PDB file of N, CA and C in Angstrom:
ATOM      1  N   MET A   1      21.287 -32.612 -37.210  1.00  0.00           N
ATOM      2  CA  MET A   1      21.845 -32.308 -35.924  1.00  0.00           C
ATOM      3  C   MET A   1      21.830 -30.801 -35.648  1.00  0.00           C
ATOM      4  N   ILE A   2      22.098 -30.000 -36.643  1.00  0.00           N
ATOM      5  CA  ILE A   2      22.105 -28.549 -36.480  1.00  0.00           C
ATOM      6  C   ILE A   2      20.688 -28.046 -36.184  1.00  0.00           C
ATOM      7  N   ALA A   3      19.672 -28.629 -36.790  1.00  0.00           N
ATOM      8  CA  ALA A   3      18.289 -28.195 -36.573  1.00  0.00           C
ATOM      9  C   ALA A   3      17.887 -28.387 -35.112  1.00  0.00           C
ATOM     10  N   GLU A   4      18.252 -29.530 -34.510  1.00  0.00           N
ATOM     11  CA  GLU A   4      17.928 -29.774 -33.105  1.00  0.00           C
ATOM     12  C   GLU A   4      18.644 -28.768 -32.205  1.00  0.00           C
ATOM     13  N   PHE A   5      19.883 -28.466 -32.526  1.00  0.00           N
ATOM     14  CA  PHE A   5      20.646 -27.484 -31.753  1.00  0.00           C
ATOM     15  C   PHE A   5      19.998 -26.114 -31.849  1.00  0.00           C
ATOM     16  N   ASN A   6      19.513 -25.749 -33.033  1.00  0.00           N
ATOM     17  CA  ASN A   6      18.862 -24.453 -33.208  1.00  0.00           C
ATOM     18  C   ASN A   6      17.601 -24.350 -32.350  1.00  0.00           C
ATOM     19  N   TRP A   7      16.808 -25.414 -32.263  1.00  0.00           N
ATOM     20  CA  TRP A   7      15.612 -25.410 -31.423  1.00  0.00           C
ATOM     21  C   TRP A   7      15.999 -25.267 -29.949  1.00  0.00           C
ATOM     22  N   TRP A   8      17.028 -26.008 -29.545  1.00  0.00           N
ATOM     23  CA  TRP A   8      17.484 -25.926 -28.167  1.00  0.00           C
ATOM     24  C   TRP A   8      17.970 -24.511 -27.852  1.00  0.00           C
ATOM     25  N   LEU A   9      18.704 -23.923 -28.775  1.00  0.00           N
ATOM     26  CA  LEU A   9      19.212 -22.569 -28.604  1.00  0.00           C
ATOM     27  C   LEU A   9      18.062 -21.561 -28.528  1.00  0.00           C
ATOM     28  N   LEU A  10      17.029 -21.757 -29.329  1.00  0.00           N
ATOM     29  CA  LEU A  10      15.867 -20.876 -29.302  1.00  0.00           C
ATOM     30  C   LEU A  10      15.160 -20.960 -27.946  1.00  0.00           C
ATOM     31  N   ILE A  11      14.970 -22.159 -27.427  1.00  0.00           N
ATOM     32  CA  ILE A  11      14.292 -22.333 -26.137  1.00  0.00           C
ATOM     33  C   ILE A  11      15.104 -21.709 -25.005  1.00  0.00           C
ATOM     34  N   VAL A  12      16.403 -21.964 -24.989  1.00  0.00           N
ATOM     35  CA  VAL A  12      17.264 -21.371 -23.962  1.00  0.00           C
ATOM     36  C   VAL A  12      17.250 -19.847 -24.079  1.00  0.00           C
ATOM     37  N   GLY A  13      17.287 -19.340 -25.278  1.00  0.00           N
ATOM     38  CA  GLY A  13      17.237 -17.894 -25.485  1.00  0.00           C
ATOM     39  C   GLY A  13      15.947 -17.278 -24.973  1.00  0.00           C
ATOM     40  N   LEU A  14      14.821 -17.956 -25.203  1.00  0.00           N
ATOM     41  CA  LEU A  14      13.537 -17.451 -24.713  1.00  0.00           C
ATOM     42  C   LEU A  14      13.486 -17.448 -23.187  1.00  0.00           C
ATOM     43  N   VAL A  15      13.990 -18.508 -22.567  1.00  0.00           N
ATOM     44  CA  VAL A  15      13.989 -18.583 -21.104  1.00  0.00           C
ATOM     45  C   VAL A  15      14.893 -17.502 -20.510  1.00  0.00           C
ATOM     46  N   VAL A  16      16.084 -17.349 -21.061  1.00  0.00           N
ATOM     47  CA  VAL A  16      17.003 -16.315 -20.570  1.00  0.00           C
ATOM     48  C   VAL A  16      16.419 -14.929 -20.809  1.00  0.00           C
ATOM     49  N   GLY A  17      15.813 -14.712 -21.951  1.00  0.00           N
ATOM     50  CA  GLY A  17      15.186 -13.416 -22.254  1.00  0.00           C
ATOM     51  C   GLY A  17      14.047 -13.110 -21.301  1.00  0.00           C
ATOM     52  N   ALA A  18      13.216 -14.108 -20.996  1.00  0.00           N
ATOM     53  CA  ALA A  18      12.117 -13.908 -20.048  1.00  0.00           C
ATOM     54  C   ALA A  18      12.659 -13.594 -18.661  1.00  0.00           C
ATOM     55  N   GLY A  19      13.711 -14.286 -18.258  1.00  0.00           N
ATOM     56  CA  GLY A  19      14.316 -14.021 -16.956  1.00  0.00           C
ATOM     57  C   GLY A  19      14.895 -12.622 -16.856  1.00  0.00           C
ATOM     58  N   LEU A  20      15.572 -12.186 -17.883  1.00  0.00           N
ATOM     59  CA  LEU A  20      16.137 -10.828 -17.892  1.00  0.00           C
ATOM     60  C   LEU A  20      15.035  -9.779 -17.899  1.00  0.00           C
ATOM     61  N   THR A  21      13.972 -10.027 -18.651  1.00  0.00           N
ATOM     62  CA  THR A  21      12.844  -9.089 -18.687  1.00  0.00           C
ATOM     63  C   THR A  21      12.220  -8.975 -17.308  1.00  0.00           C
ATOM     64  N   TRP A  22      12.011 -10.118 -16.632  1.00  0.00           N
ATOM     65  CA  TRP A  22      11.445 -10.093 -15.291  1.00  0.00           C
ATOM     66  C   TRP A  22      12.356  -9.317 -14.342  1.00  0.00           C
ATOM     67  N   LEU A  23      13.655  -9.538 -14.441  1.00  0.00           N
ATOM     68  CA  LEU A  23      14.604  -8.872 -13.563  1.00  0.00           C
ATOM     69  C   LEU A  23      14.588  -7.358 -13.767  1.00  0.00           C
ATOM     70  N   VAL A  24      14.531  -6.924 -15.010  1.00  0.00           N
ATOM     71  CA  VAL A  24      14.542  -5.494 -15.315  1.00  0.00           C
ATOM     72  C   VAL A  24      13.234  -4.836 -14.879  1.00  0.00           C
ATOM     73  N   LEU A  25      12.117  -5.503 -15.077  1.00  0.00           N
ATOM     74  CA  LEU A  25      10.821  -4.905 -14.783  1.00  0.00           C
ATOM     75  C   LEU A  25      10.354  -5.111 -13.350  1.00  0.00           C
ATOM     76  N   SER A  26      11.042  -5.953 -12.571  1.00  0.00           N
ATOM     77  CA  SER A  26      10.603  -6.225 -11.205  1.00  0.00           C
ATOM     78  C   SER A  26      10.771  -4.985 -10.332  1.00  0.00           C
ATOM     79  N   ASP A  27       9.927  -4.901  -9.338  1.00  0.00           N
ATOM     80  CA  ASP A  27       9.942  -3.774  -8.418  1.00  0.00           C
ATOM     81  C   ASP A  27      10.310  -4.302  -7.042  1.00  0.00           C
ATOM     82  N   GLY A  28      11.479  -3.963  -6.570  1.00  0.00           N
ATOM     83  CA  GLY A  28      11.966  -4.502  -5.310  1.00  0.00           C
ATOM     84  C   GLY A  28      11.637  -3.649  -4.101  1.00  0.00           C
ATOM     85  N   ARG A  29      10.895  -2.568  -4.294  1.00  0.00           N
ATOM     86  CA  ARG A  29      10.559  -1.712  -3.161  1.00  0.00           C
ATOM     87  C   ARG A  29       9.601  -2.418  -2.214  1.00  0.00           C
ATOM     88  N   ARG A  30       9.693  -2.063  -0.963  1.00  0.00           N
ATOM     89  CA  ARG A  30       8.770  -2.627   0.026  1.00  0.00           C
ATOM     90  C   ARG A  30       7.442  -1.899  -0.062  1.00  0.00           C
ATOM     91  N   ARG A  31       6.386  -2.616   0.203  1.00  0.00           N
ATOM     92  CA  ARG A  31       5.053  -2.039   0.186  1.00  0.00           C
ATOM     93  C   ARG A  31       4.493  -2.019   1.608  1.00  0.00           C
ATOM     94  N   GLU A  32       3.415  -1.299   1.780  1.00  0.00           N
ATOM     95  CA  GLU A  32       2.793  -1.183   3.101  1.00  0.00           C
ATOM     96  C   GLU A  32       2.454  -2.562   3.676  1.00  0.00           C
ATOM     97  N   ALA A  33       2.030  -3.486   2.826  1.00  0.00           N
ATOM     98  CA  ALA A  33       1.669  -4.827   3.284  1.00  0.00           C
ATOM     99  C   ALA A  33       2.888  -5.612   3.759  1.00  0.00           C
ATOM    100  N   ASP A  34       4.092  -5.226   3.334  1.00  0.00           N
ATOM    101  CA  ASP A  34       5.310  -5.922   3.732  1.00  0.00           C
ATOM    102  C   ASP A  34       5.773  -5.539   5.142  1.00  0.00           C
ATOM    103  N   LEU A  35       5.295  -4.417   5.639  1.00  0.00           N
ATOM    104  CA  LEU A  35       5.742  -3.928   6.943  1.00  0.00           C
ATOM    105  C   LEU A  35       5.021  -4.682   8.053  1.00  0.00           C
ATOM    106  N   GLU A  36       5.774  -5.084   9.051  1.00  0.00           N
ATOM    107  CA  GLU A  36       5.213  -5.812  10.168  1.00  0.00           C
ATOM    108  C   GLU A  36       4.970  -4.874  11.339  1.00  0.00           C
ATOM    109  N   GLU A  37       4.125  -5.308  12.254  1.00  0.00           N
ATOM    110  CA  GLU A  37       3.789  -4.502  13.426  1.00  0.00           C
ATOM    111  C   GLU A  37       5.035  -4.198  14.258  1.00  0.00           C
ATOM    112  N   ALA A  38       5.977  -5.125  14.287  1.00  0.00           N
ATOM    113  CA  ALA A  38       7.201  -4.934  15.069  1.00  0.00           C
ATOM    114  C   ALA A  38       8.045  -3.773  14.548  1.00  0.00           C
ATOM    115  N   GLU A  39       7.899  -3.426  13.284  1.00  0.00           N
ATOM    116  CA  GLU A  39       8.689  -2.349  12.692  1.00  0.00           C
ATOM    117  C   GLU A  39       8.079  -0.974  12.931  1.00  0.00           C
ATOM    118  N   LEU A  40       6.886  -0.925  13.504  1.00  0.00           N
ATOM    119  CA  LEU A  40       6.176   0.341  13.659  1.00  0.00           C
ATOM    120  C   LEU A  40       6.956   1.332  14.521  1.00  0.00           C
ATOM    121  N   ALA A  41       7.487   0.890  15.654  1.00  0.00           N
ATOM    122  CA  ALA A  41       8.231   1.796  16.541  1.00  0.00           C
ATOM    123  C   ALA A  41       9.498   2.300  15.865  1.00  0.00           C
ATOM    124  N   GLU A  42      10.180   1.422  15.128  1.00  0.00           N
ATOM    125  CA  GLU A  42      11.389   1.827  14.417  1.00  0.00           C
ATOM    126  C   GLU A  42      11.068   2.847  13.314  1.00  0.00           C
ATOM    127  N   GLU A  43       9.987   2.619  12.612  1.00  0.00           N
ATOM    128  CA  GLU A  43       9.571   3.550  11.562  1.00  0.00           C
ATOM    129  C   GLU A  43       9.172   4.895  12.169  1.00  0.00           C
ATOM    130  N   ALA A  44       8.491   4.861  13.320  1.00  0.00           N
ATOM    131  CA  ALA A  44       8.102   6.102  14.001  1.00  0.00           C
ATOM    132  C   ALA A  44       9.335   6.880  14.445  1.00  0.00           C
ATOM    133  N   ALA A  45      10.354   6.187  14.953  1.00  0.00           N
ATOM    134  CA  ALA A  45      11.596   6.859  15.362  1.00  0.00           C
ATOM    135  C   ALA A  45      12.294   7.479  14.158  1.00  0.00           C
ATOM    136  N   TRP A  46      12.280   6.783  13.023  1.00  0.00           N
ATOM    137  CA  TRP A  46      12.880   7.325  11.808  1.00  0.00           C
ATOM    138  C   TRP A  46      12.131   8.585  11.364  1.00  0.00           C
ATOM    139  N   LEU A  47      10.791   8.536  11.418  1.00  0.00           N
ATOM    140  CA  LEU A  47       9.999   9.713  11.044  1.00  0.00           C
ATOM    141  C   LEU A  47      10.270  10.880  11.990  1.00  0.00           C
ATOM    142  N   GLU A  48      10.389  10.590  13.291  1.00  0.00           N
ATOM    143  CA  GLU A  48      10.692  11.636  14.265  1.00  0.00           C
ATOM    144  C   GLU A  48      12.014  12.317  13.916  1.00  0.00           C
ATOM    145  N   SER A  49      13.030  11.521  13.578  1.00  0.00           N
ATOM    146  CA  SER A  49      14.337  12.063  13.214  1.00  0.00           C
ATOM    147  C   SER A  49      14.275  12.881  11.929  1.00  0.00           C
ATOM    148  N   ALA A  50      13.585  12.339  10.911  1.00  0.00           N
ATOM    149  CA  ALA A  50      13.496  13.026   9.624  1.00  0.00           C
ATOM    150  C   ALA A  50      12.734  14.341   9.743  1.00  0.00           C
ATOM    151  N   MET A  51      11.659  14.347  10.518  1.00  0.00           N
ATOM    152  CA  MET A  51      10.882  15.581  10.672  1.00  0.00           C
ATOM    153  C   MET A  51      11.652  16.618  11.487  1.00  0.00           C
ATOM    154  N   SER A  52      12.429  16.168  12.468  1.00  0.00           N
ATOM    155  CA  SER A  52      13.239  17.097  13.260  1.00  0.00           C
ATOM    156  C   SER A  52      14.310  17.759  12.397  1.00  0.00           C
ATOM    157  N   GLU A  53      14.902  16.992  11.479  1.00  0.00           N
ATOM    158  CA  GLU A  53      15.906  17.549  10.570  1.00  0.00           C
ATOM    159  C   GLU A  53      15.314  18.620   9.667  1.00  0.00           C
ATOM    160  N   GLU A  54      14.022  18.511   9.360  1.00  0.00           N
ATOM    161  CA  GLU A  54      13.346  19.508   8.519  1.00  0.00           C
ATOM    162  C   GLU A  54      12.869  20.707   9.328  1.00  0.00           C
ATOM    163  N   GLY A  55      13.058  20.677  10.645  1.00  0.00           N
ATOM    164  CA  GLY A  55      12.609  21.778  11.479  1.00  0.00           C
ATOM    165  C   GLY A  55      11.150  21.650  11.879  1.00  0.00           C
ATOM    166  N   ARG A  56      10.583  20.481  11.755  1.00  0.00           N
ATOM    167  CA  ARG A  56       9.192  20.222  12.137  1.00  0.00           C
ATOM    168  C   ARG A  56       9.168  19.070  13.142  1.00  0.00           C
ATOM    169  N   PRO A  57       9.578  19.322  14.372  1.00  0.00           N
ATOM    170  CA  PRO A  57       9.684  18.225  15.330  1.00  0.00           C
ATOM    171  C   PRO A  57       8.334  17.577  15.617  1.00  0.00           C
ATOM    172  N   VAL A  58       8.374  16.278  15.718  1.00  0.00           N
ATOM    173  CA  VAL A  58       7.191  15.472  16.036  1.00  0.00           C
ATOM    174  C   VAL A  58       7.680  14.353  16.958  1.00  0.00           C
ATOM    175  N   ASP A  59       6.932  14.055  18.005  1.00  0.00           N
ATOM    176  CA  ASP A  59       7.401  13.002  18.902  1.00  0.00           C
ATOM    177  C   ASP A  59       7.081  11.620  18.316  1.00  0.00           C
ATOM    178  N   ALA A  60       7.809  10.619  18.783  1.00  0.00           N
ATOM    179  CA  ALA A  60       7.676   9.259  18.239  1.00  0.00           C
ATOM    180  C   ALA A  60       6.282   8.693  18.470  1.00  0.00           C
ATOM    181  N   GLU A  61       5.649   9.043  19.581  1.00  0.00           N
ATOM    182  CA  GLU A  61       4.296   8.548  19.865  1.00  0.00           C
ATOM    183  C   GLU A  61       3.293   9.068  18.838  1.00  0.00           C
ATOM    184  N   THR A  62       3.392  10.338  18.486  1.00  0.00           N
ATOM    185  CA  THR A  62       2.505  10.917  17.473  1.00  0.00           C
ATOM    186  C   THR A  62       2.779  10.299  16.108  1.00  0.00           C
ATOM    187  N   ALA A  63       4.048  10.111  15.778  1.00  0.00           N
ATOM    188  CA  ALA A  63       4.395   9.497  14.497  1.00  0.00           C
ATOM    189  C   ALA A  63       3.845   8.075  14.413  1.00  0.00           C
ATOM    190  N   GLU A  64       3.938   7.326  15.517  1.00  0.00           N
ATOM    191  CA  GLU A  64       3.409   5.961  15.527  1.00  0.00           C
ATOM    192  C   GLU A  64       1.900   5.965  15.353  1.00  0.00           C
ATOM    193  N   ARG A  65       1.214   6.895  16.004  1.00  0.00           N
ATOM    194  CA  ARG A  65      -0.249   6.998  15.852  1.00  0.00           C
ATOM    195  C   ARG A  65      -0.609   7.332  14.407  1.00  0.00           C
ATOM    196  N   LEU A  66       0.132   8.244  13.792  1.00  0.00           N
ATOM    197  CA  LEU A  66      -0.125   8.599  12.394  1.00  0.00           C
ATOM    198  C   LEU A  66       0.110   7.413  11.466  1.00  0.00           C
ATOM    199  N   LEU A  67       1.138   6.627  11.734  1.00  0.00           N
ATOM    200  CA  LEU A  67       1.399   5.432  10.932  1.00  0.00           C
ATOM    201  C   LEU A  67       0.264   4.421  11.068  1.00  0.00           C
ATOM    202  N   ARG A  68      -0.242   4.254  12.287  1.00  0.00           N
ATOM    203  CA  ARG A  68      -1.375   3.345  12.484  1.00  0.00           C
ATOM    204  C   ARG A  68      -2.605   3.830  11.730  1.00  0.00           C
ATOM    205  N   LEU A  69      -2.870   5.122  11.790  1.00  0.00           N
ATOM    206  CA  LEU A  69      -4.018   5.679  11.071  1.00  0.00           C
ATOM    207  C   LEU A  69      -3.836   5.533   9.559  1.00  0.00           C
ATOM    208  N   HIS A  70      -2.614   5.720   9.070  1.00  0.00           N
ATOM    209  CA  HIS A  70      -2.346   5.568   7.643  1.00  0.00           C
ATOM    210  C   HIS A  70      -2.605   4.136   7.194  1.00  0.00           C
ATOM    211  N   ARG A  71      -2.164   3.170   7.989  1.00  0.00           N
ATOM    212  CA  ARG A  71      -2.406   1.761   7.656  1.00  0.00           C
ATOM    213  C   ARG A  71      -3.891   1.436   7.685  1.00  0.00           C
ATOM    214  N   ALA A  72      -4.624   2.013   8.642  1.00  0.00           N
ATOM    215  CA  ALA A  72      -6.076   1.805   8.690  1.00  0.00           C
ATOM    216  C   ALA A  72      -6.738   2.409   7.457  1.00  0.00           C
ATOM    217  N   TYR A  73      -6.266   3.577   7.041  1.00  0.00           N
ATOM    218  CA  TYR A  73      -6.801   4.222   5.837  1.00  0.00           C
ATOM    219  C   TYR A  73      -6.590   3.337   4.609  1.00  0.00           C
ATOM    220  N   LEU A  74      -5.391   2.798   4.455  1.00  0.00           N
ATOM    221  CA  LEU A  74      -5.109   1.941   3.305  1.00  0.00           C
ATOM    222  C   LEU A  74      -5.941   0.667   3.326  1.00  0.00           C
ATOM    223  N   ALA A  75      -6.301   0.209   4.523  1.00  0.00           N
ATOM    224  CA  ALA A  75      -7.083  -1.020   4.641  1.00  0.00           C
ATOM    225  C   ALA A  75      -8.547  -0.817   4.292  1.00  0.00           C
ATOM    226  N   VAL A  76      -9.059   0.402   4.429  1.00  0.00           N
ATOM    227  CA  VAL A  76     -10.496   0.588   4.259  1.00  0.00           C
ATOM    228  C   VAL A  76     -10.908   1.394   3.041  1.00  0.00           C
ATOM    229  N   VAL A  77     -10.017   2.120   2.432  1.00  0.00           N
ATOM    230  CA  VAL A  77     -10.385   2.957   1.283  1.00  0.00           C
ATOM    231  C   VAL A  77      -9.891   2.285   0.010  1.00  0.00           C
ATOM    232  N   PRO A  78     -10.770   2.105  -0.979  1.00  0.00           N
ATOM    233  CA  PRO A  78     -10.347   1.450  -2.221  1.00  0.00           C
ATOM    234  C   PRO A  78      -9.371   2.317  -3.004  1.00  0.00           C
ATOM    235  N   PRO A  79      -8.567   1.687  -3.867  1.00  0.00           N
ATOM    236  CA  PRO A  79      -7.649   2.458  -4.708  1.00  0.00           C
ATOM    237  C   PRO A  79      -8.408   3.436  -5.604  1.00  0.00           C
ATOM    238  N   PRO A  80      -7.763   4.464  -6.105  1.00  0.00           N
ATOM    239  CA  PRO A  80      -8.442   5.485  -6.914  1.00  0.00           C
ATOM    240  C   PRO A  80      -9.131   4.935  -8.162  1.00  0.00           C
ATOM    241  N   ASP A  81      -8.569   3.962  -8.815  1.00  0.00           N
ATOM    242  CA  ASP A  81      -9.154   3.427 -10.041  1.00  0.00           C
ATOM    243  C   ASP A  81      -9.883   2.118  -9.776  1.00  0.00           C
ATOM    244  N   ASP A  82     -10.596   2.042  -8.663  1.00  0.00           N
ATOM    245  CA  ASP A  82     -11.217   0.789  -8.264  1.00  0.00           C
ATOM    246  C   ASP A  82     -12.698   0.758  -8.647  1.00  0.00           C
ATOM    247  N   GLY A  83     -12.959   0.698  -9.919  1.00  0.00           N
ATOM    248  CA  GLY A  83     -14.320   0.493 -10.412  1.00  0.00           C
ATOM    249  C   GLY A  83     -15.261   1.647 -10.138  1.00  0.00           C
ATOM    250  N   PRO A  84     -16.537   1.322  -9.860  1.00  0.00           N
ATOM    251  CA  PRO A  84     -17.574   2.347  -9.781  1.00  0.00           C
ATOM    252  C   PRO A  84     -17.480   3.230  -8.547  1.00  0.00           C
ATOM    253  N   TRP A  85     -16.671   2.867  -7.537  1.00  0.00           N
ATOM    254  CA  TRP A  85     -16.596   3.669  -6.328  1.00  0.00           C
ATOM    255  C   TRP A  85     -15.570   4.788  -6.431  1.00  0.00           C
ATOM    256  N   SER A  86     -14.878   4.884  -7.536  1.00  0.00           N
ATOM    257  CA  SER A  86     -13.876   5.940  -7.658  1.00  0.00           C
ATOM    258  C   SER A  86     -14.517   7.195  -8.219  1.00  0.00           C
ATOM    259  N   GLY A  87     -13.824   8.292  -8.033  1.00  0.00           N
ATOM    260  CA  GLY A  87     -14.283   9.537  -8.634  1.00  0.00           C
ATOM    261  C   GLY A  87     -15.174  10.339  -7.715  1.00  0.00           C
ATOM    262  N   ASP A  88     -15.922  11.256  -8.307  1.00  0.00           N
ATOM    263  CA  ASP A  88     -16.767  12.177  -7.559  1.00  0.00           C
ATOM    264  C   ASP A  88     -17.911  11.447  -6.867  1.00  0.00           C
ATOM    265  N   GLY A  89     -18.263  11.933  -5.718  1.00  0.00           N
ATOM    266  CA  GLY A  89     -19.416  11.421  -5.017  1.00  0.00           C
ATOM    267  C   GLY A  89     -19.145  10.253  -4.092  1.00  0.00           C
ATOM    268  N   PHE A  90     -17.927   9.728  -4.027  1.00  0.00           N
ATOM    269  CA  PHE A  90     -17.655   8.608  -3.136  1.00  0.00           C
ATOM    270  C   PHE A  90     -17.303   9.130  -1.757  1.00  0.00           C
ATOM    271  N   GLU A  91     -18.087   8.772  -0.789  1.00  0.00           N
ATOM    272  CA  GLU A  91     -17.824   9.111   0.601  1.00  0.00           C
ATOM    273  C   GLU A  91     -17.811   7.818   1.395  1.00  0.00           C
ATOM    274  N   PRO A  92     -16.662   7.394   1.938  1.00  0.00           N
ATOM    275  CA  PRO A  92     -16.638   6.162   2.720  1.00  0.00           C
ATOM    276  C   PRO A  92     -17.471   6.305   3.990  1.00  0.00           C
ATOM    277  N   ALA A  93     -18.060   5.211   4.422  1.00  0.00           N
ATOM    278  CA  ALA A  93     -18.847   5.204   5.652  1.00  0.00           C
ATOM    279  C   ALA A  93     -17.914   5.282   6.854  1.00  0.00           C
ATOM    280  N   GLU A  94     -18.483   5.392   8.045  1.00  0.00           N
ATOM    281  CA  GLU A  94     -17.695   5.506   9.265  1.00  0.00           C
ATOM    282  C   GLU A  94     -17.457   4.129   9.888  1.00  0.00           C
ATOM    283  N   VAL A  95     -16.286   3.933  10.484  1.00  0.00           N
ATOM    284  CA  VAL A  95     -15.966   2.725  11.243  1.00  0.00           C
ATOM    285  C   VAL A  95     -15.186   3.155  12.468  1.00  0.00           C
ATOM    286  N   ASP A  96     -15.291   2.388  13.551  1.00  0.00           N
ATOM    287  CA  ASP A  96     -14.588   2.737  14.788  1.00  0.00           C
ATOM    288  C   ASP A  96     -13.172   2.197  14.777  1.00  0.00           C
ATOM    289  N   LEU A  97     -12.216   3.067  15.143  1.00  0.00           N
ATOM    290  CA  LEU A  97     -10.813   2.669  15.288  1.00  0.00           C
ATOM    291  C   LEU A  97     -10.413   2.855  16.740  1.00  0.00           C
ATOM    292  N   PRO A  98      -9.605   1.948  17.291  1.00  0.00           N
ATOM    293  CA  PRO A  98      -9.177   2.116  18.683  1.00  0.00           C
ATOM    294  C   PRO A  98      -8.203   3.275  18.818  1.00  0.00           C
ATOM    295  N   ASP A  99      -8.355   4.027  19.890  1.00  0.00           N
ATOM    296  CA  ASP A  99      -7.417   5.103  20.211  1.00  0.00           C
ATOM    297  C   ASP A  99      -6.506   4.589  21.315  1.00  0.00           C
ATOM    298  N   PRO A 100      -5.211   4.346  21.008  1.00  0.00           N
ATOM    299  CA  PRO A 100      -4.336   3.726  22.000  1.00  0.00           C
ATOM    300  C   PRO A 100      -4.097   4.592  23.233  1.00  0.00           C
ATOM    301  N   ALA A 101      -4.309   5.897  23.135  1.00  0.00           N
ATOM    302  CA  ALA A 101      -4.022   6.779  24.263  1.00  0.00           C
ATOM    303  C   ALA A 101      -4.991   6.552  25.421  1.00  0.00           C
ATOM    304  N   ASN A 102      -6.279   6.429  25.121  1.00  0.00           N
ATOM    305  CA  ASN A 102      -7.249   6.311  26.208  1.00  0.00           C
ATOM    306  C   ASN A 102      -8.168   5.106  26.075  1.00  0.00           C
ATOM    307  N   GLY A 103      -7.943   4.254  25.106  1.00  0.00           N
ATOM    308  CA  GLY A 103      -8.746   3.045  24.965  1.00  0.00           C
ATOM    309  C   GLY A 103     -10.099   3.269  24.325  1.00  0.00           C
ATOM    310  N   SER A 104     -10.434   4.532  24.013  1.00  0.00           N
ATOM    311  CA  SER A 104     -11.724   4.795  23.375  1.00  0.00           C
ATOM    312  C   SER A 104     -11.623   4.544  21.885  1.00  0.00           C
ATOM    313  N   ARG A 105     -12.711   4.705  21.197  1.00  0.00           N
ATOM    314  CA  ARG A 105     -12.727   4.450  19.761  1.00  0.00           C
ATOM    315  C   ARG A 105     -13.028   5.749  19.034  1.00  0.00           C
ATOM    316  N   THR A 106     -12.400   5.922  17.874  1.00  0.00           N
ATOM    317  CA  THR A 106     -12.625   7.102  17.049  1.00  0.00           C
ATOM    318  C   THR A 106     -13.188   6.662  15.714  1.00  0.00           C
ATOM    319  N   ALA A 107     -13.862   7.558  15.030  1.00  0.00           N
ATOM    320  CA  ALA A 107     -14.491   7.210  13.751  1.00  0.00           C
ATOM    321  C   ALA A 107     -13.506   7.409  12.613  1.00  0.00           C
ATOM    322  N   ALA A 108     -13.595   6.529  11.615  1.00  0.00           N
ATOM    323  CA  ALA A 108     -12.772   6.612  10.405  1.00  0.00           C
ATOM    324  C   ALA A 108     -13.544   5.960   9.271  1.00  0.00           C
ATOM    325  N   PRO A 109     -13.093   6.124   8.024  1.00  0.00           N
ATOM    326  CA  PRO A 109     -13.807   5.529   6.885  1.00  0.00           C
ATOM    327  C   PRO A 109     -13.852   4.008   6.964  1.00  0.00           C
ATOM    328  N   SER A 110     -14.937   3.428   6.491  1.00  0.00           N
ATOM    329  CA  SER A 110     -15.059   1.972   6.463  1.00  0.00           C
ATOM    330  C   SER A 110     -14.830   1.446   5.061  1.00  0.00           C
ATOM    331  N   ALA A 111     -14.638   0.137   4.949  1.00  0.00           N
ATOM    332  CA  ALA A 111     -14.357  -0.488   3.658  1.00  0.00           C
ATOM    333  C   ALA A 111     -15.627  -0.769   2.872  1.00  0.00           C
ATOM    334  N   GLU A 112     -16.775  -0.609   3.488  1.00  0.00           N
ATOM    335  CA  GLU A 112     -18.026  -0.949   2.827  1.00  0.00           C
ATOM    336  C   GLU A 112     -18.731   0.311   2.343  1.00  0.00           C
ATOM    337  N   PRO A 113     -18.465   0.760   1.129  1.00  0.00           N
ATOM    338  CA  PRO A 113     -19.154   1.946   0.619  1.00  0.00           C
ATOM    339  C   PRO A 113     -20.572   1.593   0.196  1.00  0.00           C
ATOM    340  N   ASP A 114     -21.400   2.620   0.123  1.00  0.00           N
ATOM    341  CA  ASP A 114     -22.745   2.403  -0.398  1.00  0.00           C
ATOM    342  C   ASP A 114     -22.622   2.057  -1.882  1.00  0.00           C
ATOM    343  N   PRO A 115     -23.520   1.197  -2.386  1.00  0.00           N
ATOM    344  CA  PRO A 115     -23.425   0.869  -3.806  1.00  0.00           C
ATOM    345  C   PRO A 115     -23.685   2.102  -4.660  1.00  0.00           C
ATOM    346  N   PRO A 116     -23.037   2.197  -5.814  1.00  0.00           N
ATOM    347  CA  PRO A 116     -23.227   3.376  -6.661  1.00  0.00           C
ATOM    348  C   PRO A 116     -24.625   3.390  -7.263  1.00  0.00           C
ATOM    349  N   VAL A 117     -25.125   4.601  -7.488  1.00  0.00           N
ATOM    350  CA  VAL A 117     -26.419   4.757  -8.140  1.00  0.00           C
ATOM    351  C   VAL A 117     -26.151   4.892  -9.631  1.00  0.00           C
ATOM    352  N   ARG A 118     -26.697   4.003 -10.400  1.00  0.00           N
ATOM    353  CA  ARG A 118     -26.487   4.026 -11.846  1.00  0.00           C
ATOM    354  C   ARG A 118     -27.706   4.618 -12.536  1.00  0.00           C
ATOM    355  N   THR A 119     -27.432   5.496 -13.449  1.00  0.00           N
ATOM    356  CA  THR A 119     -28.519   6.077 -14.232  1.00  0.00           C
ATOM    357  C   THR A 119     -28.442   5.539 -15.649  1.00  0.00           C
ATOM    358  N   PRO A 120     -29.577   5.240 -16.270  1.00  0.00           N
ATOM    359  CA  PRO A 120     -29.539   4.731 -17.649  1.00  0.00           C
ATOM    360  C   PRO A 120     -29.014   5.796 -18.599  1.00  0.00           C
ATOM    361  N   GLY A 121     -28.294   5.329 -19.563  1.00  0.00           N
ATOM    362  CA  GLY A 121     -27.897   6.314 -20.559  1.00  0.00           C
ATOM    363  C   GLY A 121     -26.545   6.158 -20.963  1.00  0.00           C
TER     364      GLY A 121
END
């Protein structure tokens, strides 16, 4: 009877230990992908307030445009350690982004980089 209890205790201990480990190591911060389009104006207003407090006033419209450009940048440029496209010599191609002020399009990096040139050796 004691042997069965010991196995049960071991299993419960492993489950509780795994749960505590997950809780300690989890990252509860919000990421760029978690932000919705509806929050953009609120985030721009917060940036306007924060920049004004630092003595660098910026209007909410400019802050919102910068946030949109930042999100476009994150969508098209690979992470720094993303395989062969990282490091020296990587230049993203151009892609058109809408300019909300006048409806025209502006150029920005695209997600499709040229394939890397590999040299033997």
